[in-house]
């Protein structure tokens, strides 16, 4: 259970500025406020990690860079499309990053890396596929919906699809990992 909570905490941390942006936009319907708060949280997160001399992952740098760039463009132009299309760019970059074998190891406990490295490899590609699918969906919705409806729809999709894949991955890796550990113990005994 601790490993599940650790992985979930890392995922929420990576998505915190986007989650804050979407929540503020949905509650206040104020695009500029939502952008400003999302950008501020992203910058604070990076600053906090730097102050504590912690390693900043590539995904975190990509996320904050795109949050700041699209946020500033939206505030300067007052055009929501910059922020609405930002997730497409993020999804594509993250999807491409997720095509790299071993990227998922940061989120896995050591026992999973030892017993089911092949599944981590396969699920890494499943996550990449989800990112590319989400990118395509976002383009369609960003160009056809108003910002508030887009925000609600992409928030629901983003959270539900990621939780769904996370739970499928966790259950699959745990089940197969246990079977392999039992088989190895039986073979050794």
Foldseek 3Di string as FASTA:
>chain_A
DVLLVQLVVVVCLLCVLVVQLLVCCQVVVDNLVSLVSSLVSLVVSVVVCVVVVHDDDPSSVVVNVLSVVLSVVCVVVVDCLSVLLSLLVSLQVVLVVLLDQPPCVVSGDPLLCVQPSVLSNVLSNVSSVLSNVLSVVSVVDSVPDDPNVSSVVSVCCVVVVVVVSSVVSVVVSVVSSVVRVVVVVVVVD
